[in-house]
Amino acid sequence: MRTRFAPSPTGFLHLGGARTALFNYCLAKHYGGAFLLRIEDTDRERSTEAAKDAILDGLNWLGLMPDEPTVYQSTRAARHAEVAHQLLAQGRAYRCYATPEELEIMREEAKAIGRPVPYDRRWRDVPAKDHPTDRPFVIRLKVPLTGEMTLFDHVQGAVSLRHDHLDDMVLLRADGTPTYMLAVVVDDHDMGITHIMRGDDHLNNAFRQRALFDALDWTMPELYHIPLIHGPDGAKLSKRHGAVAIQEYRDQGIVSEAMINALLRLGWGHGDQEIFSLSEGIAHFDGRHLGRAPSRFDPQKLLFLNAHYLRTLDLFDRLYPLLCSQYSQATERHWSWLRQMLPHLTQRAERLGDVVALCGPYLSRPPKGDAWTPAHAAIVSDVIPVLESLSPDQWTEDGLSQTLKTWAAAQGKKLSDVAMPLRIAMTGSTASPSVFAILSVLGRDEVLARLQ
């Protein structure tokens, strides 16, 4: 099995494109096949290097890199033209000399009389001896004029179209450049693509591409046309539903595992399972159980999944580059504190930035801040001797909690009356994970130094 993701670099990688890439990747890997990438950059005016780079960057972030070198469609124009001229020589295509003005008249006429295709095929059967020698021409495909074509799609089922509803599509423009339809078919054949999975907005294109595969006596890949993604309100996904480029979600603190999980559940499922790693997606994604109705992308569900992965992943290697420049004076001891505190810092976080914001107290000593009061100072002054008396065996989260709870009760105080000044002294904030976890991780010397 060989699948492909074939984006046009006229914009950034968005949710729909990312899901298409992911589904193709999982389908190929499930059957031990290859996942390929083709950049369809034949539209020179709209294609940009920035968009190409963004597509590659987004796929790299998601871990969906191709198994073979990326194919750039613009480099294959000579091959596309070769195939068009081959069809012309075989009598399966023809030269059309219709002018833009004539084509416009035909469109209006077709609209008026209800003809399903705009071009009236006036040059289809004109002998070569009667062709003009001083006019530009395009090369058009000769499609069958009678009967119908039926495609079997693994998602949509059997879909049919009458041949007289297919136009004699242009293969090669007057300037010698190939059209999208020709380039796609030639590239899919030459790349050995066996299965095409893409949005159902390409279903109409599939009939035209099948006509070209048939004319070339090539076997068309198997088809999967998946419904598009809608927003939570059921409307077509747009900018008003949130971020568009996949990188925007990364910049907002979404981890790639959460995005993969969310994309996997947009139009596919495996029983009632909601949490999927990429490897689990590959294990179960066999090309079945794909929905025929549009899926709905829910940003809140993405945040729920992100919170789950923040709690379950080892985030240290992702956080380190975000923190090392800001805390350049941090030592191995500081980074060790942070490693130990991460399971506590991620408990209520939804985004990676939420965790970053909580890391400071473990990489440097924080200032007391505005929340510090004389009453807090008085309590800390009384607590220092209690903490100094603890043995190393007692300096644990449970040991610290029990010791301070007993001492607070003896002083007629609530444990929270003692915990708050300790929290502020340790972190500079009135909100933090368990203060006893912080005391345990920082250790006796650091805690006493901060208190003093």
Protein backbone atom coordinates (compact mmCIF):
# COMPACT_ATOMS: atom_id res chain seq x y z
CA MET A 1 0.00 0.00 0.00
CA ARG A 2 1.21 3.48 -0.90
CA THR A 3 -0.76 6.55 0.16
CA ARG A 4 -0.04 10.22 -0.32
CA PHE A 5 -0.81 13.64 1.07
CA ALA A 6 -0.83 16.21 -1.75
CA PRO A 7 -1.34 19.77 -0.49
CA SER A 8 -1.15 22.92 -2.60
CA PRO A 9 1.26 25.45 -1.03
CA THR A 10 -1.12 28.35 -1.43
CA GLY A 11 -1.86 28.54 2.31
CA PHE A 12 -0.83 27.01 5.59
CA LEU A 13 -1.54 23.51 6.87
CA HIS A 14 -5.01 23.65 8.40
CA LEU A 15 -7.05 21.15 10.40
CA GLY A 16 -8.61 19.50 7.37
CA GLY A 17 -5.28 19.03 5.64
CA ALA A 18 -3.65 17.76 8.82
CA ARG A 19 -6.42 15.18 9.28
CA THR A 20 -6.06 14.04 5.65
CA ALA A 21 -2.32 13.59 6.15
CA LEU A 22 -2.88 11.71 9.42
CA PHE A 23 -5.48 9.34 7.96
CA ASN A 24 -3.24 8.56 4.97
CA TYR A 25 -0.29 8.01 7.30
CA CYS A 26 -2.22 5.66 9.58
CA LEU A 27 -3.74 3.71 6.68
CA ALA A 28 -0.35 3.11 5.06
CA LYS A 29 1.39 2.22 8.31
CA HIS A 30 -1.43 -0.12 9.40
CA TYR A 31 -0.73 -2.29 6.36
CA GLY A 32 3.05 -1.88 6.46
CA GLY A 33 3.05 0.45 3.46
CA ALA A 34 4.57 3.82 2.61
CA PHE A 35 3.25 7.34 3.20
CA LEU A 36 4.36 9.88 0.58
CA LEU A 37 4.19 13.66 0.31
CA ARG A 38 3.63 15.57 -2.93
CA ILE A 39 3.62 19.37 -2.98
CA GLU A 40 1.27 20.42 -5.78
CA ASP A 41 2.94 23.72 -6.57
CA THR A 42 1.98 24.12 -10.23
CA ASP A 43 0.09 27.36 -9.49
CA ARG A 44 3.18 29.56 -9.56
CA GLU A 45 1.29 32.78 -8.83
CA ARG A 46 -0.31 31.53 -5.60
CA SER A 47 2.31 29.04 -4.37
CA THR A 48 4.76 30.44 -1.85
CA GLU A 49 7.92 29.21 -0.13
CA ALA A 50 6.43 30.27 3.20
CA ALA A 51 3.45 27.97 2.67
CA LYS A 52 5.71 25.07 1.63
CA ASP A 53 7.81 25.54 4.76
CA ALA A 54 4.69 25.77 6.93
CA ILE A 55 3.31 22.51 5.55
CA LEU A 56 6.58 20.68 6.22
CA ASP A 57 6.86 22.27 9.66
CA GLY A 58 3.32 21.26 10.58
CA LEU A 59 3.79 17.67 9.42
CA ASN A 60 7.08 17.46 11.30
CA TRP A 61 5.41 18.71 14.50
CA LEU A 62 2.72 16.05 14.14
CA GLY A 63 5.30 13.34 13.41
CA LEU A 64 3.89 12.61 9.93
CA MET A 65 6.99 12.72 7.78
CA PRO A 66 7.03 10.88 4.43
CA ASP A 67 8.91 7.64 3.84
CA GLU A 68 10.46 8.90 0.59
CA PRO A 69 11.75 12.29 -0.61
CA THR A 70 9.05 14.89 -1.13
CA VAL A 71 7.84 15.21 -4.74
CA TYR A 72 7.40 18.75 -6.05
CA GLN A 73 4.87 18.70 -8.87
CA SER A 74 6.35 21.77 -10.57
CA THR A 75 9.53 19.81 -11.37
CA ARG A 76 7.60 17.22 -13.37
CA ALA A 77 5.99 19.42 -16.04
CA ALA A 78 7.96 17.76 -18.84
CA ARG A 79 6.68 14.33 -17.83
CA HIS A 80 3.09 15.63 -17.68
CA ALA A 81 3.40 17.13 -21.17
CA GLU A 82 4.89 13.89 -22.47
CA VAL A 83 1.77 11.99 -21.38
CA ALA A 84 -0.56 14.55 -22.99
CA HIS A 85 1.26 14.24 -26.32
CA GLN A 86 1.19 10.44 -25.99
CA LEU A 87 -2.61 10.57 -25.75
CA LEU A 88 -2.72 12.96 -28.70
CA ALA A 89 -0.66 10.55 -30.81
CA GLN A 90 -2.95 7.66 -29.85
CA GLY A 91 -6.08 9.56 -30.88
CA ARG A 92 -7.34 9.67 -27.29
CA ALA A 93 -6.91 13.42 -27.06
CA TYR A 94 -7.21 16.25 -29.57
CA ARG A 95 -6.17 19.80 -30.29
CA CYS A 96 -8.74 22.47 -29.53
CA TYR A 97 -8.31 25.93 -31.10
CA ALA A 98 -11.33 27.60 -29.48
CA THR A 99 -10.62 31.18 -28.41
CA PRO A 100 -11.45 32.60 -24.98
CA GLU A 101 -14.25 34.60 -26.59
CA GLU A 102 -15.71 31.49 -28.21
CA LEU A 103 -15.51 29.58 -24.94
CA GLU A 104 -17.41 32.34 -23.14
CA ILE A 105 -20.17 32.20 -25.78
CA MET A 106 -20.32 28.41 -25.34
CA ARG A 107 -20.68 28.79 -21.56
CA GLU A 108 -23.58 31.16 -21.98
CA GLU A 109 -25.19 28.89 -24.56
CA ALA A 110 -24.78 25.81 -22.34
CA LYS A 111 -26.38 27.67 -19.46
CA ALA A 112 -29.30 28.75 -21.64
CA ILE A 113 -30.10 25.31 -23.08
CA GLY A 114 -29.16 23.25 -20.01
CA ARG A 115 -26.18 21.49 -21.53
CA PRO A 116 -24.28 19.81 -18.64
CA VAL A 117 -20.82 20.73 -19.97
CA PRO A 118 -19.87 24.18 -21.26
CA TYR A 119 -17.60 23.14 -24.14
CA ASP A 120 -19.46 21.92 -27.24
CA ARG A 121 -16.60 19.66 -28.47
CA ARG A 122 -16.45 21.45 -31.81
CA TRP A 123 -12.80 20.49 -32.43
CA ARG A 124 -13.12 16.88 -31.24
CA ASP A 125 -13.47 15.26 -34.69
CA VAL A 126 -11.87 17.86 -36.96
CA PRO A 127 -9.19 16.11 -39.10
CA ALA A 128 -5.62 17.26 -38.56
CA LYS A 129 -5.42 18.46 -42.16
CA ASP A 130 -8.07 21.05 -41.37
CA HIS A 131 -6.31 22.43 -38.30
CA PRO A 132 -5.02 26.00 -38.45
CA THR A 133 -1.27 26.45 -38.35
CA ASP A 134 -1.11 29.94 -36.90
CA ARG A 135 -3.33 29.71 -33.82
CA PRO A 136 -2.61 28.55 -30.27
CA PHE A 137 -4.29 25.36 -29.09
CA VAL A 138 -4.90 23.32 -25.99
CA ILE A 139 -4.92 19.52 -25.78
CA ARG A 140 -8.23 18.06 -24.57
CA LEU A 141 -9.08 14.52 -23.49
CA LYS A 142 -11.66 12.55 -25.49
CA VAL A 143 -14.08 11.22 -22.88
CA PRO A 144 -16.76 8.63 -23.80
CA LEU A 145 -19.99 10.25 -24.98
CA THR A 146 -22.45 7.49 -24.00
CA GLY A 147 -23.10 5.30 -20.99
CA GLU A 148 -22.02 6.08 -17.45
CA MET A 149 -19.09 5.70 -15.12
CA THR A 150 -19.39 4.11 -11.66
CA LEU A 151 -16.78 4.58 -8.97
CA PHE A 152 -16.58 2.49 -5.83
CA ASP A 153 -15.55 4.60 -2.88
CA HIS A 154 -14.74 3.00 0.50
CA VAL A 155 -16.59 5.80 2.29
CA GLN A 156 -19.27 6.97 -0.14
CA GLY A 157 -20.09 3.59 -1.68
CA ALA A 158 -20.91 3.23 -5.39
CA VAL A 159 -21.26 6.61 -7.10
CA SER A 160 -22.21 7.02 -10.77
CA LEU A 161 -22.08 9.79 -13.36
CA ARG A 162 -23.27 9.81 -16.98
CA HIS A 163 -20.46 10.28 -19.49
CA ASP A 164 -22.28 13.16 -21.18
CA HIS A 165 -21.90 15.08 -17.91
CA LEU A 166 -18.11 14.91 -18.23
CA ASP A 167 -16.35 17.57 -20.26
CA ASP A 168 -13.45 16.97 -22.62
CA MET A 169 -11.11 18.45 -20.04
CA VAL A 170 -7.99 20.38 -20.95
CA LEU A 171 -4.80 18.42 -20.33
CA LEU A 172 -2.23 20.86 -21.68
CA ARG A 173 -2.75 24.61 -21.85
CA ALA A 174 -1.87 26.74 -24.85
CA ASP A 175 1.43 27.72 -23.20
CA GLY A 176 2.37 24.06 -22.84
CA THR A 177 1.82 23.84 -19.08
CA PRO A 178 -0.13 20.88 -17.66
CA THR A 179 -3.45 21.25 -15.87
CA TYR A 180 -4.04 20.06 -12.32
CA MET A 181 -6.06 17.02 -13.48
CA LEU A 182 -3.33 15.76 -15.76
CA ALA A 183 -0.55 16.35 -13.24
CA VAL A 184 -2.39 14.55 -10.42
CA VAL A 185 -3.11 11.44 -12.48
CA VAL A 186 0.42 11.17 -13.90
CA ASP A 187 2.01 11.74 -10.50
CA ASP A 188 -0.21 9.24 -8.71
CA HIS A 189 0.66 6.64 -11.34
CA ASP A 190 4.38 7.36 -11.38
CA MET A 191 4.58 7.42 -7.57
CA GLY A 192 2.85 4.05 -7.40
CA ILE A 193 -0.03 5.34 -5.30
CA THR A 194 -2.46 2.52 -4.50
CA HIS A 195 -4.98 4.29 -2.25
CA ILE A 196 -6.20 7.90 -2.34
CA MET A 197 -7.79 9.31 0.81
CA ARG A 198 -8.94 12.94 0.64
CA GLY A 199 -11.84 15.28 1.33
CA ASP A 200 -15.17 14.56 -0.33
CA ASP A 201 -14.98 17.95 -2.07
CA HIS A 202 -12.70 16.06 -4.52
CA LEU A 203 -15.33 13.44 -5.39
CA ASN A 204 -16.32 15.20 -8.62
CA ASN A 205 -12.64 15.36 -9.60
CA ALA A 206 -12.45 11.59 -9.18
CA PHE A 207 -14.71 11.01 -12.21
CA ARG A 208 -12.55 13.20 -14.44
CA GLN A 209 -9.39 11.56 -13.15
CA ARG A 210 -10.89 8.10 -13.72
CA ALA A 211 -11.58 9.06 -17.36
CA LEU A 212 -7.90 9.94 -17.74
CA PHE A 213 -6.70 6.76 -16.00
CA ASP A 214 -8.90 4.75 -18.39
CA ALA A 215 -7.57 6.61 -21.45
CA LEU A 216 -4.03 5.77 -20.36
CA ASP A 217 -4.89 2.12 -19.59
CA TRP A 218 -3.70 2.66 -16.03
CA THR A 219 -5.36 1.30 -12.89
CA MET A 220 -6.90 3.99 -10.73
CA PRO A 221 -6.02 3.82 -7.01
CA GLU A 222 -8.70 2.82 -4.53
CA LEU A 223 -10.67 5.78 -3.22
CA TYR A 224 -11.68 7.13 0.18
CA HIS A 225 -13.52 10.47 0.12
CA ILE A 226 -14.03 11.62 3.69
CA PRO A 227 -16.56 14.32 4.68
CA LEU A 228 -15.21 17.74 5.58
CA ILE A 229 -14.80 19.05 9.12
CA HIS A 230 -17.38 21.42 10.54
CA GLY A 231 -17.24 23.70 13.55
CA PRO A 232 -19.04 22.92 16.84
CA ASP A 233 -22.09 24.81 15.53
CA GLY A 234 -22.37 22.52 12.51
CA ALA A 235 -21.26 25.19 10.04
CA LYS A 236 -18.29 24.72 7.71
CA LEU A 237 -15.05 25.20 9.61
CA SER A 238 -13.78 28.77 9.26
CA LYS A 239 -11.59 31.35 10.96
CA ARG A 240 -14.37 32.29 13.35
CA HIS A 241 -14.11 28.83 14.90
CA GLY A 242 -10.57 29.56 16.09
CA ALA A 243 -7.06 28.99 14.80
CA VAL A 244 -6.62 28.06 11.16
CA ALA A 245 -2.95 27.09 10.68
CA ILE A 246 -2.00 23.97 12.63
CA GLN A 247 0.99 25.85 14.04
CA GLU A 248 -1.35 28.30 15.75
CA TYR A 249 -2.52 25.50 18.02
CA ARG A 250 1.09 24.61 18.81
CA ASP A 251 1.79 28.26 19.63
CA GLN A 252 -1.27 28.27 21.89
CA GLY A 253 0.24 25.47 23.98
CA ILE A 254 -1.35 22.40 22.42
CA VAL A 255 0.96 19.38 22.35
CA SER A 256 1.16 17.30 19.18
CA GLU A 257 -0.17 14.17 20.92
CA ALA A 258 -3.40 15.97 21.79
CA MET A 259 -3.79 17.29 18.25
CA ILE A 260 -3.20 13.81 16.78
CA ASN A 261 -5.80 12.39 19.17
CA ALA A 262 -8.35 15.08 18.30
CA LEU A 263 -7.82 14.65 14.55
CA LEU A 264 -8.16 10.87 14.76
CA ARG A 265 -11.64 11.27 16.25
CA LEU A 266 -12.85 13.60 13.49
CA GLY A 267 -14.74 11.13 11.33
CA TRP A 268 -13.23 7.86 12.57
CA GLY A 269 -13.55 5.79 15.69
CA HIS A 270 -12.68 2.48 17.30
CA GLY A 271 -15.52 1.44 19.58
CA ASP A 272 -15.93 3.81 22.52
CA GLN A 273 -12.22 4.60 22.83
CA GLU A 274 -11.52 8.33 23.11
CA ILE A 275 -7.81 8.48 23.98
CA PHE A 276 -5.51 7.42 21.14
CA SER A 277 -1.79 7.68 20.69
CA LEU A 278 -0.44 7.75 17.14
CA SER A 279 0.73 4.15 17.48
CA GLU A 280 -2.73 3.08 18.64
CA GLY A 281 -4.29 4.93 15.73
CA ILE A 282 -2.02 3.03 13.34
CA ALA A 283 -2.87 -0.28 15.01
CA HIS A 284 -6.63 0.19 14.54
CA PHE A 285 -6.94 2.35 11.40
CA ASP A 286 -7.74 -0.19 8.70
CA GLY A 287 -9.77 2.08 6.42
CA ARG A 288 -13.13 1.07 7.89
CA HIS A 289 -15.41 2.84 10.37
CA LEU A 290 -15.10 6.17 8.55
CA GLY A 291 -18.19 8.33 8.95
CA ARG A 292 -20.24 9.57 6.00
CA ALA A 293 -21.44 12.71 7.80
CA PRO A 294 -19.30 15.79 8.49
CA SER A 295 -17.46 15.64 11.81
CA ARG A 296 -17.47 18.51 14.28
CA PHE A 297 -14.29 20.01 15.69
CA ASP A 298 -14.75 21.05 19.31
CA PRO A 299 -12.01 23.33 20.72
CA GLN A 300 -13.07 22.45 24.26
CA LYS A 301 -12.58 18.75 23.54
CA LEU A 302 -9.09 19.58 22.25
CA LEU A 303 -8.31 21.36 25.54
CA PHE A 304 -9.62 18.37 27.50
CA LEU A 305 -7.32 16.07 25.54
CA ASN A 306 -4.42 18.49 25.93
CA ALA A 307 -4.88 18.56 29.71
CA HIS A 308 -4.82 14.76 29.70
CA TYR A 309 -1.54 14.62 27.79
CA LEU A 310 0.05 17.33 29.92
CA ARG A 311 -0.60 15.12 32.95
CA THR A 312 0.66 11.91 31.34
CA LEU A 313 3.64 12.95 29.21
CA ASP A 314 7.19 13.67 30.35
CA LEU A 315 7.27 17.34 29.40
CA PHE A 316 10.75 18.25 30.60
CA ASP A 317 12.48 18.08 27.21
CA ARG A 318 9.77 20.31 25.67
CA LEU A 319 9.92 22.84 28.48
CA TYR A 320 13.69 23.09 28.71
CA PRO A 321 14.21 25.13 25.49
CA LEU A 322 11.36 27.43 26.50
CA LEU A 323 12.89 28.08 29.92
CA CYS A 324 16.68 27.90 29.65
CA SER A 325 17.18 31.36 28.15
CA GLN A 326 14.96 33.02 30.76
CA TYR A 327 16.63 31.14 33.63
CA SER A 328 20.20 31.05 32.39
CA GLN A 329 21.54 30.95 35.96
CA ALA A 330 19.66 27.76 36.80
CA THR A 331 21.91 24.89 37.86
CA GLU A 332 21.46 21.14 37.58
CA ARG A 333 19.99 21.29 41.06
CA HIS A 334 17.27 23.70 39.87
CA TRP A 335 16.44 21.56 36.86
CA SER A 336 16.21 18.51 39.13
CA TRP A 337 13.68 20.36 41.30
CA LEU A 338 11.64 21.20 38.23
CA ARG A 339 11.67 17.60 37.01
CA GLN A 340 10.31 16.43 40.34
CA MET A 341 7.65 19.15 40.49
CA LEU A 342 6.30 18.71 36.96
CA PRO A 343 3.72 16.04 37.90
CA HIS A 344 2.29 18.54 40.40
CA LEU A 345 2.45 21.55 38.05
CA THR A 346 0.46 19.85 35.30
CA GLN A 347 -2.53 18.79 37.39
CA ARG A 348 -4.71 21.79 36.50
CA ALA A 349 -2.99 22.96 33.31
CA GLU A 350 -4.81 23.01 29.96
CA ARG A 351 -2.02 24.45 27.82
CA LEU A 352 1.74 24.11 27.83
CA GLY A 353 2.01 27.82 28.63
CA ASP A 354 0.09 27.20 31.87
CA VAL A 355 2.91 24.90 32.97
CA VAL A 356 5.64 27.31 31.83
CA ALA A 357 4.11 30.04 34.00
CA LEU A 358 4.45 27.84 37.10
CA CYS A 359 8.08 26.80 36.66
CA GLY A 360 9.83 29.93 37.93
CA PRO A 361 10.01 29.16 41.68
CA TYR A 362 11.98 25.98 41.00
CA LEU A 363 14.55 27.65 38.77
CA SER A 364 15.24 30.74 40.92
CA ARG A 365 14.30 32.14 44.31
CA PRO A 366 11.15 34.23 43.93
CA PRO A 367 10.53 37.60 45.59
CA LYS A 368 7.95 37.63 48.41
CA GLY A 369 5.59 39.79 46.38
CA ASP A 370 2.69 41.94 47.53
CA ALA A 371 0.90 39.07 49.31
CA TRP A 372 3.53 38.90 52.06
CA THR A 373 2.44 40.43 55.40
CA PRO A 374 3.94 40.88 58.91
CA ALA A 375 1.55 38.18 60.12
CA HIS A 376 3.04 35.77 57.60
CA ALA A 377 6.53 36.71 58.78
CA ALA A 378 5.59 36.00 62.39
CA ILE A 379 4.28 32.52 61.57
CA VAL A 380 7.34 31.68 59.47
CA SER A 381 9.61 32.82 62.28
CA ASP A 382 7.89 30.36 64.62
CA VAL A 383 7.90 27.53 62.03
CA ILE A 384 11.62 27.69 61.23
CA PRO A 385 12.72 25.95 64.47
CA VAL A 386 10.11 23.24 63.93
CA LEU A 387 11.47 22.48 60.47
CA GLU A 388 15.07 22.66 61.66
CA SER A 389 14.32 19.92 64.21
CA LEU A 390 13.19 17.39 61.58
CA SER A 391 15.43 14.45 60.74
CA PRO A 392 16.16 13.53 57.11
CA ASP A 393 13.71 10.62 57.39
CA GLN A 394 10.94 13.01 58.42
CA TRP A 395 11.59 15.39 55.47
CA THR A 396 8.98 13.83 53.22
CA GLU A 397 5.67 15.14 51.94
CA ASP A 398 3.71 13.08 54.47
CA GLY A 399 6.18 13.77 57.29
CA LEU A 400 6.12 17.52 56.72
CA SER A 401 2.33 17.57 56.49
CA GLN A 402 1.86 15.62 59.72
CA THR A 403 4.47 17.65 61.63
CA LEU A 404 3.02 21.03 60.66
CA LYS A 405 -0.55 19.87 61.20
CA THR A 406 0.36 18.79 64.75
CA TRP A 407 2.22 22.02 65.44
CA ALA A 408 -0.61 24.21 64.07
CA ALA A 409 -3.16 22.43 66.26
CA ALA A 410 -0.95 22.95 69.30
CA GLN A 411 -0.81 26.67 68.49
CA GLY A 412 -4.58 26.86 68.05
CA LYS A 413 -4.21 27.54 64.33
CA LYS A 414 -5.63 25.97 61.19
CA LEU A 415 -3.20 24.16 58.91
CA SER A 416 -4.09 26.66 56.16
CA ASP A 417 -2.87 29.50 58.42
CA VAL A 418 0.56 27.87 58.36
CA ALA A 419 0.53 26.65 54.76
CA MET A 420 -0.18 30.03 53.15
CA PRO A 421 2.90 31.92 54.42
CA LEU A 422 5.04 28.88 53.57
CA ARG A 423 3.53 28.86 50.05
CA ILE A 424 4.26 32.54 49.52
CA ALA A 425 7.79 32.18 50.87
CA MET A 426 8.50 29.23 48.55
CA THR A 427 6.82 30.45 45.36
CA GLY A 428 6.01 34.16 45.73
CA SER A 429 2.38 33.30 45.00
CA THR A 430 -0.78 32.48 46.94
CA ALA A 431 -1.56 29.64 44.48
CA SER A 432 0.64 26.61 43.94
CA PRO A 433 0.65 22.82 44.12
CA SER A 434 0.73 21.20 47.55
CA VAL A 435 3.09 23.22 49.72
CA PHE A 436 4.27 20.01 51.36
CA ALA A 437 5.26 18.60 47.98
CA ILE A 438 7.23 21.79 47.33
CA LEU A 439 8.99 21.61 50.72
CA SER A 440 9.84 17.95 50.12
CA VAL A 441 11.27 18.53 46.64
CA LEU A 442 13.28 21.68 47.47
CA GLY A 443 14.87 20.02 50.46
CA ARG A 444 15.78 21.20 53.95
CA ASP A 445 18.63 23.60 53.08
CA GLU A 446 16.78 25.45 50.29
CA VAL A 447 13.53 25.66 52.28
CA LEU A 448 15.23 27.09 55.35
CA ALA A 449 17.24 29.52 53.23
CA ARG A 450 14.04 30.84 51.62
CA LEU A 451 12.25 31.08 54.95
CA GLN A 452 15.13 32.89 56.61
